[in-house]
């Protein structure tokens, strides 16, 4: 299970809300994980992270 592989699950084997930003080379650039299914980043927050991580010189 993906949740177990990335350690984003609880003791009942239920996944936590998680978001992974991976570049073209397969490197993990940013991630978010919460223990609450009620707490998640907004689309605008995710968009801002993408802009920040990928619009800087030297970034993919």
Protein backbone atom coordinates (compact mmCIF):
# COMPACT_ATOMS: atom_id res chain seq x y z
CA UNK A 1 0.00 0.00 0.00
CA UNK A 2 1.26 3.46 -0.89
CA UNK A 3 0.39 4.92 2.52
CA UNK A 4 2.61 2.38 4.26
CA UNK A 5 5.48 2.92 1.81
CA UNK A 6 5.52 6.66 2.46
CA UNK A 7 4.58 6.41 6.14
CA UNK A 8 1.41 8.48 5.74
CA UNK A 9 -1.08 6.13 7.33
CA UNK A 10 -2.47 5.54 10.78
CA UNK A 11 -2.44 2.45 12.98
CA UNK A 12 -5.68 1.23 11.36
CA UNK A 13 -3.96 1.17 7.95
CA UNK A 14 -5.97 4.18 6.76
CA UNK A 15 -4.08 6.75 4.70
CA UNK A 16 -3.64 10.33 5.87
CA UNK A 17 -4.40 13.10 3.36
CA UNK A 18 -1.09 13.55 1.55
CA UNK A 19 0.24 15.47 -1.40
CA UNK A 20 3.63 14.92 -3.05
CA UNK A 21 5.32 17.26 -5.53
CA UNK A 22 7.88 15.37 -7.62
CA UNK A 23 10.12 16.85 -10.31
CA UNK A 24 10.84 15.38 -13.75
CA UNK A 25 13.79 13.39 -12.41
CA UNK A 26 11.60 11.75 -9.79
CA UNK A 27 12.96 13.76 -6.85
CA UNK A 28 10.63 14.68 -4.03
CA UNK A 29 10.46 18.49 -4.03
CA UNK A 30 7.74 19.08 -1.44
CA UNK A 31 5.17 17.11 0.48
CA UNK A 32 2.22 17.62 2.77
CA UNK A 33 0.67 15.07 5.12
CA UNK A 34 -1.95 15.54 7.79
CA UNK A 35 -3.33 13.25 10.45
CA UNK A 36 -6.76 14.83 9.95
CA UNK A 37 -8.90 14.27 6.88
CA UNK A 38 -10.36 17.73 7.55
CA UNK A 39 -7.08 19.63 7.16
CA UNK A 40 -5.72 19.97 3.64
CA UNK A 41 -4.01 22.71 1.64
CA UNK A 42 -6.23 24.73 -0.67
CA UNK A 43 -5.77 24.68 -4.42
CA UNK A 44 -4.33 28.21 -4.21
CA UNK A 45 -1.79 27.13 -1.58
CA UNK A 46 -0.69 24.21 -3.76
CA UNK A 47 -0.47 26.48 -6.80
CA UNK A 48 1.75 28.91 -4.84
CA UNK A 49 4.08 26.07 -3.81
CA UNK A 50 4.34 24.89 -7.42
CA UNK A 51 5.12 28.42 -8.60
CA UNK A 52 7.71 28.86 -5.85
CA UNK A 53 9.46 25.55 -6.47
CA UNK A 54 9.45 25.55 -10.27
CA UNK A 55 9.75 29.21 -11.28
CA UNK A 56 13.09 29.82 -9.56
CA UNK A 57 16.25 29.84 -11.70
CA UNK A 58 17.86 26.43 -11.76
CA UNK A 59 14.63 24.60 -10.97
CA UNK A 60 12.84 22.26 -13.38
